[in-house]
Amino acid sequence: MSLQKVVCCHEPTYLPWIGFWQKVFQSDVLVLLDDIQYSKNNYTNRVLIRGTHGEPQWLTVPVRTRGRRLQAIRDVEIVRDGWDNKHRRTLQACYGKAPFYRPLAYGLLKRSRLADLNTGLIIHMAECMGLSLEIVRSSNLGEPLRDSPNERLVDAVQAVGGSTYLSGSGAKDYLNPFVFQQAGLDLRCSRFTSWPYDQQQWEWLPGLGILDALYNIGMASTVQMLKLSSSSTPWGQEWTSRIESRA
C-alpha cells in the first residue's frame, strides 16, 4: 500500500462493469454508498451482458419500489420470483460456450436485500481477483454522512482514514475541489480506458459487466487488463488535457 490512502466511493451496483473495477484497482478502500437514495433504471439492480445473438441485453434484479420512492439503497427489497435461477439460465445460454464460463455460485444470489446482494458479489469478485483493499458500506461508518454530495464524500473518506479521494469522470458536473482542499484531502480522477479484449466471434462491444471479460478471457487476463488500463490524474488535469487536445 502506498503512503497515501486512496479511497473511492460508488453505489453498490449489480455485477459492476469494467470502469468500476478500473477505479477499484487504484484504491486502498472502497466505500459502497448504500445509504443514498435508490434510483430506478440504473446499474444498481441491473447489468449489461451480450445476448445469444451478440446484442446487448439487460439482466435485471426485480425489486420492490411501489410506495417506496425515497427509499435508500440499503432498504431496497428483492422480489423473490425466481429471478436468480433465470439469471443463471440466461448466463448459461449467453456464455455457456465461452472458454472460461463458470456458473455463478448459487449461494451468492440468495439475498433478500439489494445492497446485501451487490456487496456480497463485489467482495467475492474482489477476492477472486486477488485484491486486498478494504470494502465498507457507508451505512456502517458510524456517524451519518452529510447530505451534500461533496461533503458526503469528504465524510466517507475521512471516516476510513483516507488522504486521497479517487473520483470517476462522471463527477465533473458536481464535484467541488475546494471542499476537498479545505478538508486537507487530495483529489484525483480515474481515467476510464476502453480496452478491447477478445469477445469470441462477436465484434467489440464496450460497456458490459465484468462477467463478459471473465468468461471470455479468464481471470488472469482480466486482472492483467485492469492493471494495465487503470490510471488517474490530478483533478482538473483530465479536462484540461482534453480541451488542449481538441484545440
C-alpha atoms as a PDB file:
ATOM      1  CA  MET A   1       0.000   0.000   0.000  1.00  0.00           C
ATOM      2  CA  SER A   2       1.251   3.489  -0.807  1.00  0.00           C
ATOM      3  CA  LEU A   3       1.935   6.152   1.812  1.00  0.00           C
ATOM      4  CA  GLN A   4      -1.263   7.841   0.745  1.00  0.00           C
ATOM      5  CA  LYS A   5      -4.520   6.052   1.463  1.00  0.00           C
ATOM      6  CA  VAL A   6      -6.654   6.229  -1.671  1.00  0.00           C
ATOM      7  CA  VAL A   7     -10.409   5.933  -1.254  1.00  0.00           C
ATOM      8  CA  CYS A   8     -13.055   5.549  -3.932  1.00  0.00           C
ATOM      9  CA  CYS A   9     -16.806   5.657  -3.377  1.00  0.00           C
ATOM     10  CA  HIS A  10     -19.512   4.117  -5.511  1.00  0.00           C
ATOM     11  CA  GLU A  11     -23.051   2.863  -5.341  1.00  0.00           C
ATOM     12  CA  PRO A  12     -23.186  -0.907  -4.820  1.00  0.00           C
ATOM     13  CA  THR A  13     -24.072  -1.944  -8.372  1.00  0.00           C
ATOM     14  CA  TYR A  14     -25.033  -5.381  -9.678  1.00  0.00           C
ATOM     15  CA  LEU A  15     -22.057  -7.239 -11.193  1.00  0.00           C
ATOM     16  CA  PRO A  16     -20.221  -3.954 -11.960  1.00  0.00           C
ATOM     17  CA  TRP A  17     -18.733  -3.032 -15.322  1.00  0.00           C
ATOM     18  CA  ILE A  18     -15.039  -2.655 -16.147  1.00  0.00           C
ATOM     19  CA  GLY A  19     -14.900   1.104 -15.422  1.00  0.00           C
ATOM     20  CA  PHE A  20     -15.917   0.401 -11.818  1.00  0.00           C
ATOM     21  CA  TRP A  21     -13.085  -2.097 -11.408  1.00  0.00           C
ATOM     22  CA  GLN A  22     -10.521   0.191 -13.007  1.00  0.00           C
ATOM     23  CA  LYS A  23     -11.204   2.645 -10.196  1.00  0.00           C
ATOM     24  CA  VAL A  24     -11.149  -0.078  -7.540  1.00  0.00           C
ATOM     25  CA  PHE A  25      -7.772  -1.368  -8.747  1.00  0.00           C
ATOM     26  CA  GLN A  26      -6.223   2.012  -7.868  1.00  0.00           C
ATOM     27  CA  SER A  27      -7.746   2.245  -4.397  1.00  0.00           C
ATOM     28  CA  ASP A  28      -6.936   1.103  -0.879  1.00  0.00           C
ATOM     29  CA  VAL A  29     -10.534   1.419   0.330  1.00  0.00           C
ATOM     30  CA  LEU A  30     -13.851   1.100  -1.477  1.00  0.00           C
ATOM     31  CA  VAL A  31     -16.822   2.738   0.229  1.00  0.00           C
ATOM     32  CA  LEU A  32     -20.136   1.431  -1.068  1.00  0.00           C
ATOM     33  CA  LEU A  33     -22.685   4.227  -0.796  1.00  0.00           C
ATOM     34  CA  ASP A  34     -25.694   2.201   0.316  1.00  0.00           C
ATOM     35  CA  ASP A  35     -27.323   4.992   2.329  1.00  0.00           C
ATOM     36  CA  ILE A  36     -28.108   7.207  -0.678  1.00  0.00           C
ATOM     37  CA  GLN A  37     -31.462   7.196  -2.440  1.00  0.00           C
ATOM     38  CA  TYR A  38     -32.179   4.313  -4.789  1.00  0.00           C
ATOM     39  CA  SER A  39     -32.695   5.310  -8.422  1.00  0.00           C
ATOM     40  CA  LYS A  40     -34.790   3.210 -10.791  1.00  0.00           C
ATOM     41  CA  ASN A  41     -33.440   2.050 -14.152  1.00  0.00           C
ATOM     42  CA  ASN A  42     -29.858   2.419 -13.004  1.00  0.00           C
ATOM     43  CA  TYR A  43     -26.995  -0.048 -12.690  1.00  0.00           C
ATOM     44  CA  THR A  44     -27.819  -0.684  -9.042  1.00  0.00           C
ATOM     45  CA  ASN A  45     -30.124  -3.571  -9.930  1.00  0.00           C
ATOM     46  CA  ARG A  46     -29.119  -4.434 -13.475  1.00  0.00           C
ATOM     47  CA  VAL A  47     -26.108  -5.224 -15.648  1.00  0.00           C
ATOM     48  CA  LEU A  48     -25.473  -5.266 -19.372  1.00  0.00           C
ATOM     49  CA  ILE A  49     -24.344  -8.554 -20.956  1.00  0.00           C
ATOM     50  CA  ARG A  50     -24.077  -9.846 -24.512  1.00  0.00           C
ATOM     51  CA  GLY A  51     -27.136 -11.757 -25.663  1.00  0.00           C
ATOM     52  CA  THR A  52     -27.234 -15.038 -27.540  1.00  0.00           C
ATOM     53  CA  HIS A  53     -27.238 -13.247 -30.901  1.00  0.00           C
ATOM     54  CA  GLY A  54     -24.496 -10.780 -29.994  1.00  0.00           C
ATOM     55  CA  GLU A  55     -26.849  -7.980 -28.965  1.00  0.00           C
ATOM     56  CA  PRO A  56     -26.552  -6.047 -25.654  1.00  0.00           C
ATOM     57  CA  GLN A  57     -29.011  -7.452 -23.127  1.00  0.00           C
ATOM     58  CA  TRP A  58     -30.008  -6.353 -19.624  1.00  0.00           C
ATOM     59  CA  LEU A  59     -30.059  -8.681 -16.635  1.00  0.00           C
ATOM     60  CA  THR A  60     -32.334  -7.042 -14.068  1.00  0.00           C
ATOM     61  CA  VAL A  61     -32.891  -7.913 -10.415  1.00  0.00           C
ATOM     62  CA  PRO A  62     -36.582  -7.289  -9.608  1.00  0.00           C
ATOM     63  CA  VAL A  63     -37.060  -5.010  -6.592  1.00  0.00           C
ATOM     64  CA  ARG A  64     -39.949  -3.502  -4.640  1.00  0.00           C
ATOM     65  CA  THR A  65     -40.460   0.182  -5.432  1.00  0.00           C
ATOM     66  CA  ARG A  66     -44.204   0.888  -5.229  1.00  0.00           C
ATOM     67  CA  GLY A  67     -44.820   3.396  -2.458  1.00  0.00           C
ATOM     68  CA  ARG A  68     -41.088   3.496  -1.684  1.00  0.00           C
ATOM     69  CA  ARG A  69     -39.926   6.305  -3.963  1.00  0.00           C
ATOM     70  CA  LEU A  70     -37.473   7.767  -1.440  1.00  0.00           C
ATOM     71  CA  GLN A  71     -36.010   4.530  -0.074  1.00  0.00           C
ATOM     72  CA  ALA A  72     -32.262   4.201   0.418  1.00  0.00           C
ATOM     73  CA  ILE A  73     -30.359   1.508  -1.448  1.00  0.00           C
ATOM     74  CA  ARG A  74     -29.764  -0.400   1.799  1.00  0.00           C
ATOM     75  CA  ASP A  75     -33.540  -0.743   2.266  1.00  0.00           C
ATOM     76  CA  VAL A  76     -34.426  -1.981  -1.227  1.00  0.00           C
ATOM     77  CA  GLU A  77     -36.009  -5.436  -1.078  1.00  0.00           C
ATOM     78  CA  ILE A  78     -35.630  -8.032  -3.814  1.00  0.00           C
ATOM     79  CA  VAL A  79     -38.732  -9.680  -5.247  1.00  0.00           C
ATOM     80  CA  ARG A  80     -38.289 -13.418  -4.832  1.00  0.00           C
ATOM     81  CA  ASP A  81     -39.817 -14.577  -8.111  1.00  0.00           C
ATOM     82  CA  GLY A  82     -37.099 -16.973  -9.198  1.00  0.00           C
ATOM     83  CA  TRP A  83     -35.021 -14.235 -10.799  1.00  0.00           C
ATOM     84  CA  ASP A  84     -31.764 -15.842  -9.619  1.00  0.00           C
ATOM     85  CA  ASN A  85     -32.418 -19.083 -11.466  1.00  0.00           C
ATOM     86  CA  LYS A  86     -33.445 -17.077 -14.531  1.00  0.00           C
ATOM     87  CA  HIS A  87     -30.171 -15.122 -14.437  1.00  0.00           C
ATOM     88  CA  ARG A  88     -28.166 -18.319 -14.125  1.00  0.00           C
ATOM     89  CA  ARG A  89     -30.009 -19.838 -17.107  1.00  0.00           C
ATOM     90  CA  THR A  90     -29.540 -16.671 -19.160  1.00  0.00           C
ATOM     91  CA  LEU A  91     -25.804 -16.558 -18.448  1.00  0.00           C
ATOM     92  CA  GLN A  92     -25.561 -20.229 -19.365  1.00  0.00           C
ATOM     93  CA  ALA A  93     -27.344 -19.579 -22.669  1.00  0.00           C
ATOM     94  CA  CYS A  94     -25.248 -16.494 -23.492  1.00  0.00           C
ATOM     95  CA  TYR A  95     -21.823 -17.627 -22.273  1.00  0.00           C
ATOM     96  CA  GLY A  96     -22.015 -21.395 -21.872  1.00  0.00           C
ATOM     97  CA  LYS A  97     -19.632 -21.902 -24.818  1.00  0.00           C
ATOM     98  CA  ALA A  98     -17.198 -19.188 -23.720  1.00  0.00           C
ATOM     99  CA  PRO A  99     -13.783 -20.667 -22.844  1.00  0.00           C
ATOM    100  CA  PHE A 100     -13.808 -19.564 -19.195  1.00  0.00           C
ATOM    101  CA  TYR A 101     -17.508 -19.842 -18.363  1.00  0.00           C
ATOM    102  CA  ARG A 102     -18.412 -20.905 -14.839  1.00  0.00           C
ATOM    103  CA  PRO A 103     -21.900 -20.611 -13.322  1.00  0.00           C
ATOM    104  CA  LEU A 104     -22.366 -18.083 -10.537  1.00  0.00           C
ATOM    105  CA  ALA A 105     -22.285 -19.772  -7.150  1.00  0.00           C
ATOM    106  CA  TYR A 106     -25.869 -20.438  -6.159  1.00  0.00           C
ATOM    107  CA  GLY A 107     -25.478 -19.054  -2.636  1.00  0.00           C
ATOM    108  CA  LEU A 108     -24.177 -15.678  -3.841  1.00  0.00           C
ATOM    109  CA  LEU A 109     -27.594 -14.765  -5.235  1.00  0.00           C
ATOM    110  CA  LYS A 110     -29.651 -15.785  -2.203  1.00  0.00           C
ATOM    111  CA  ARG A 111     -30.181 -12.393  -0.588  1.00  0.00           C
ATOM    112  CA  SER A 112     -33.341 -10.555   0.387  1.00  0.00           C
ATOM    113  CA  ARG A 113     -31.981  -7.002   0.026  1.00  0.00           C
ATOM    114  CA  LEU A 114     -30.286  -5.487  -2.994  1.00  0.00           C
ATOM    115  CA  ALA A 115     -27.403  -3.908  -1.085  1.00  0.00           C
ATOM    116  CA  ASP A 116     -26.546  -7.242   0.554  1.00  0.00           C
ATOM    117  CA  LEU A 117     -26.607  -8.980  -2.827  1.00  0.00           C
ATOM    118  CA  ASN A 118     -24.397  -6.437  -4.584  1.00  0.00           C
ATOM    119  CA  THR A 119     -21.959  -6.070  -1.694  1.00  0.00           C
ATOM    120  CA  GLY A 120     -21.534  -9.833  -1.430  1.00  0.00           C
ATOM    121  CA  LEU A 121     -20.881 -10.170  -5.157  1.00  0.00           C
ATOM    122  CA  ILE A 122     -18.384  -7.291  -5.178  1.00  0.00           C
ATOM    123  CA  ILE A 123     -16.475  -8.705  -2.204  1.00  0.00           C
ATOM    124  CA  HIS A 124     -16.435 -12.172  -3.758  1.00  0.00           C
ATOM    125  CA  MET A 125     -15.167 -10.891  -7.106  1.00  0.00           C
ATOM    126  CA  ALA A 126     -12.535  -8.682  -5.473  1.00  0.00           C
ATOM    127  CA  GLU A 127     -11.222 -11.687  -3.540  1.00  0.00           C
ATOM    128  CA  CYS A 128     -11.159 -13.813  -6.702  1.00  0.00           C
ATOM    129  CA  MET A 129      -9.096 -11.079  -8.408  1.00  0.00           C
ATOM    130  CA  GLY A 130      -6.618 -11.111  -5.531  1.00  0.00           C
ATOM    131  CA  LEU A 131      -7.436  -7.596  -4.323  1.00  0.00           C
ATOM    132  CA  SER A 132      -6.632  -6.821  -0.708  1.00  0.00           C
ATOM    133  CA  LEU A 133      -8.451  -3.498  -0.465  1.00  0.00           C
ATOM    134  CA  GLU A 134     -10.879  -2.771   2.351  1.00  0.00           C
ATOM    135  CA  ILE A 135     -14.563  -2.721   1.359  1.00  0.00           C
ATOM    136  CA  VAL A 136     -17.035  -0.964   3.664  1.00  0.00           C
ATOM    137  CA  ARG A 137     -20.626   0.191   3.414  1.00  0.00           C
ATOM    138  CA  SER A 138     -21.355   3.836   4.152  1.00  0.00           C
ATOM    139  CA  SER A 139     -24.227   2.833   6.437  1.00  0.00           C
ATOM    140  CA  ASN A 140     -21.668   1.127   8.697  1.00  0.00           C
ATOM    141  CA  LEU A 141     -19.333   4.098   9.115  1.00  0.00           C
ATOM    142  CA  GLY A 142     -20.870   5.242  12.384  1.00  0.00           C
ATOM    143  CA  GLU A 143     -21.882   8.874  12.216  1.00  0.00           C
ATOM    144  CA  PRO A 144     -24.347   9.658   9.385  1.00  0.00           C
ATOM    145  CA  LEU A 145     -22.760  11.306   6.368  1.00  0.00           C
ATOM    146  CA  ARG A 146     -23.825  14.802   5.363  1.00  0.00           C
ATOM    147  CA  ASP A 147     -26.418  15.158   2.602  1.00  0.00           C
ATOM    148  CA  SER A 148     -24.498  17.402   0.206  1.00  0.00           C
ATOM    149  CA  PRO A 149     -22.690  15.239  -2.395  1.00  0.00           C
ATOM    150  CA  ASN A 150     -19.294  16.864  -1.800  1.00  0.00           C
ATOM    151  CA  GLU A 151     -19.498  16.846   1.994  1.00  0.00           C
ATOM    152  CA  ARG A 152     -20.797  13.278   1.944  1.00  0.00           C
ATOM    153  CA  LEU A 153     -17.733  12.106   0.035  1.00  0.00           C
ATOM    154  CA  VAL A 154     -15.384  14.059   2.302  1.00  0.00           C
ATOM    155  CA  ASP A 155     -17.031  12.477   5.363  1.00  0.00           C
ATOM    156  CA  ALA A 156     -16.695   8.994   3.871  1.00  0.00           C
ATOM    157  CA  VAL A 157     -13.003   9.435   3.029  1.00  0.00           C
ATOM    158  CA  GLN A 158     -12.203  10.829   6.471  1.00  0.00           C
ATOM    159  CA  ALA A 159     -14.208   8.088   8.225  1.00  0.00           C
ATOM    160  CA  VAL A 160     -11.908   5.404   6.797  1.00  0.00           C
ATOM    161  CA  GLY A 161      -8.722   7.416   7.352  1.00  0.00           C
ATOM    162  CA  GLY A 162      -8.177   8.298   3.704  1.00  0.00           C
ATOM    163  CA  SER A 163      -5.898  11.013   2.356  1.00  0.00           C
ATOM    164  CA  THR A 164      -6.933  10.949  -1.321  1.00  0.00           C
ATOM    165  CA  TYR A 165     -10.329  10.682  -2.962  1.00  0.00           C
ATOM    166  CA  LEU A 166     -10.340   8.963  -6.349  1.00  0.00           C
ATOM    167  CA  SER A 167     -13.327  10.105  -8.369  1.00  0.00           C
ATOM    168  CA  GLY A 168     -14.789   8.920 -11.624  1.00  0.00           C
ATOM    169  CA  SER A 169     -15.057  11.268 -14.582  1.00  0.00           C
ATOM    170  CA  GLY A 170     -18.838  11.383 -14.240  1.00  0.00           C
ATOM    171  CA  ALA A 171     -18.496  13.569 -11.135  1.00  0.00           C
ATOM    172  CA  LYS A 172     -17.091  16.561 -13.020  1.00  0.00           C
ATOM    173  CA  ASP A 173     -20.510  18.247 -13.093  1.00  0.00           C
ATOM    174  CA  TYR A 174     -20.937  18.430  -9.314  1.00  0.00           C
ATOM    175  CA  LEU A 175     -17.614  17.839  -7.576  1.00  0.00           C
ATOM    176  CA  ASN A 176     -16.153  20.949  -5.922  1.00  0.00           C
ATOM    177  CA  PRO A 177     -12.374  20.593  -5.436  1.00  0.00           C
ATOM    178  CA  PHE A 178     -12.349  23.473  -2.933  1.00  0.00           C
ATOM    179  CA  VAL A 179     -14.372  21.385  -0.454  1.00  0.00           C
ATOM    180  CA  PHE A 180     -11.753  18.623  -0.559  1.00  0.00           C
ATOM    181  CA  GLN A 181      -8.904  21.107  -0.340  1.00  0.00           C
ATOM    182  CA  GLN A 182     -10.458  22.670   2.752  1.00  0.00           C
ATOM    183  CA  ALA A 183     -10.659  19.200   4.311  1.00  0.00           C
ATOM    184  CA  GLY A 184      -6.982  18.518   3.569  1.00  0.00           C
ATOM    185  CA  LEU A 185      -7.718  15.807   1.007  1.00  0.00           C
ATOM    186  CA  ASP A 186      -6.094  15.233  -2.361  1.00  0.00           C
ATOM    187  CA  LEU A 187      -8.465  14.802  -5.277  1.00  0.00           C
ATOM    188  CA  ARG A 188      -7.755  12.642  -8.305  1.00  0.00           C
ATOM    189  CA  CYS A 189      -9.788  11.463 -11.280  1.00  0.00           C
ATOM    190  CA  SER A 190      -9.748   7.900 -12.574  1.00  0.00           C
ATOM    191  CA  ARG A 191      -9.253   7.843 -16.340  1.00  0.00           C
ATOM    192  CA  PHE A 192     -11.516   5.304 -17.981  1.00  0.00           C
ATOM    193  CA  THR A 193      -9.693   3.470 -20.753  1.00  0.00           C
ATOM    194  CA  SER A 194     -11.645   1.323 -23.181  1.00  0.00           C
ATOM    195  CA  TRP A 195      -9.542  -1.819 -23.533  1.00  0.00           C
ATOM    196  CA  PRO A 196     -10.860  -4.123 -26.273  1.00  0.00           C
ATOM    197  CA  TYR A 197     -10.476  -7.817 -25.443  1.00  0.00           C
ATOM    198  CA  ASP A 198     -11.419 -10.991 -27.274  1.00  0.00           C
ATOM    199  CA  GLN A 199     -15.210 -11.417 -27.324  1.00  0.00           C
ATOM    200  CA  GLN A 200     -15.078 -14.589 -29.406  1.00  0.00           C
ATOM    201  CA  GLN A 201     -16.975 -14.401 -32.712  1.00  0.00           C
ATOM    202  CA  TRP A 202     -18.552 -11.013 -31.975  1.00  0.00           C
ATOM    203  CA  GLU A 203     -17.409  -7.509 -32.799  1.00  0.00           C
ATOM    204  CA  TRP A 204     -16.129  -5.441 -29.890  1.00  0.00           C
ATOM    205  CA  LEU A 205     -18.945  -4.238 -27.630  1.00  0.00           C
ATOM    206  CA  PRO A 206     -17.894  -1.936 -24.737  1.00  0.00           C
ATOM    207  CA  GLY A 207     -19.771  -1.166 -21.524  1.00  0.00           C
ATOM    208  CA  LEU A 208     -20.585  -4.733 -20.497  1.00  0.00           C
ATOM    209  CA  GLY A 209     -20.408  -6.127 -16.973  1.00  0.00           C
ATOM    210  CA  ILE A 210     -17.139  -7.659 -15.797  1.00  0.00           C
ATOM    211  CA  LEU A 211     -18.524 -11.179 -16.278  1.00  0.00           C
ATOM    212  CA  ASP A 212     -18.169 -10.765 -20.042  1.00  0.00           C
ATOM    213  CA  ALA A 213     -14.400 -10.368 -19.695  1.00  0.00           C
ATOM    214  CA  LEU A 214     -14.085 -13.119 -17.089  1.00  0.00           C
ATOM    215  CA  TYR A 215     -15.977 -15.597 -19.257  1.00  0.00           C
ATOM    216  CA  ASN A 216     -14.175 -14.698 -22.491  1.00  0.00           C
ATOM    217  CA  ILE A 217     -10.540 -14.160 -21.463  1.00  0.00           C
ATOM    218  CA  GLY A 218     -10.387 -15.608 -17.943  1.00  0.00           C
ATOM    219  CA  MET A 219      -9.455 -14.289 -14.517  1.00  0.00           C
ATOM    220  CA  ALA A 220      -5.710 -13.860 -15.060  1.00  0.00           C
ATOM    221  CA  SER A 221      -6.085 -11.924 -18.315  1.00  0.00           C
ATOM    222  CA  THR A 222      -8.904  -9.792 -16.887  1.00  0.00           C
ATOM    223  CA  VAL A 223      -6.774  -8.835 -13.881  1.00  0.00           C
ATOM    224  CA  GLN A 224      -3.834  -8.031 -16.149  1.00  0.00           C
ATOM    225  CA  MET A 225      -6.083  -5.906 -18.377  1.00  0.00           C
ATOM    226  CA  LEU A 226      -7.400  -3.961 -15.388  1.00  0.00           C
ATOM    227  CA  LYS A 227      -3.902  -3.346 -14.041  1.00  0.00           C
ATOM    228  CA  LEU A 228      -2.662  -2.064 -17.401  1.00  0.00           C
ATOM    229  CA  SER A 229      -5.721   0.086 -18.153  1.00  0.00           C
ATOM    230  CA  SER A 230      -6.111   1.714 -14.712  1.00  0.00           C
ATOM    231  CA  SER A 231      -4.702   5.222 -14.286  1.00  0.00           C
ATOM    232  CA  SER A 232      -5.617   8.577 -12.765  1.00  0.00           C
ATOM    233  CA  THR A 233      -4.705  12.265 -12.955  1.00  0.00           C
ATOM    234  CA  PRO A 234      -4.927  15.188 -10.512  1.00  0.00           C
ATOM    235  CA  TRP A 235      -8.432  16.655 -10.546  1.00  0.00           C
ATOM    236  CA  GLY A 236      -8.849  19.140 -13.407  1.00  0.00           C
ATOM    237  CA  GLN A 237      -5.879  17.915 -15.425  1.00  0.00           C
ATOM    238  CA  GLU A 238      -8.072  15.403 -17.240  1.00  0.00           C
ATOM    239  CA  TRP A 239     -10.399  18.112 -18.544  1.00  0.00           C
ATOM    240  CA  THR A 240      -7.526  20.487 -19.389  1.00  0.00           C
ATOM    241  CA  SER A 241      -5.733  17.840 -21.442  1.00  0.00           C
ATOM    242  CA  ARG A 242      -8.929  17.017 -23.342  1.00  0.00           C
ATOM    243  CA  ILE A 243      -9.553  20.681 -24.195  1.00  0.00           C
ATOM    244  CA  GLU A 244      -5.939  21.182 -25.307  1.00  0.00           C
ATOM    245  CA  SER A 245      -6.068  18.056 -27.494  1.00  0.00           C
ATOM    246  CA  ARG A 246      -9.088  19.471 -29.323  1.00  0.00           C
ATOM    247  CA  ALA A 247      -7.559  22.910 -29.887  1.00  0.00           C
END
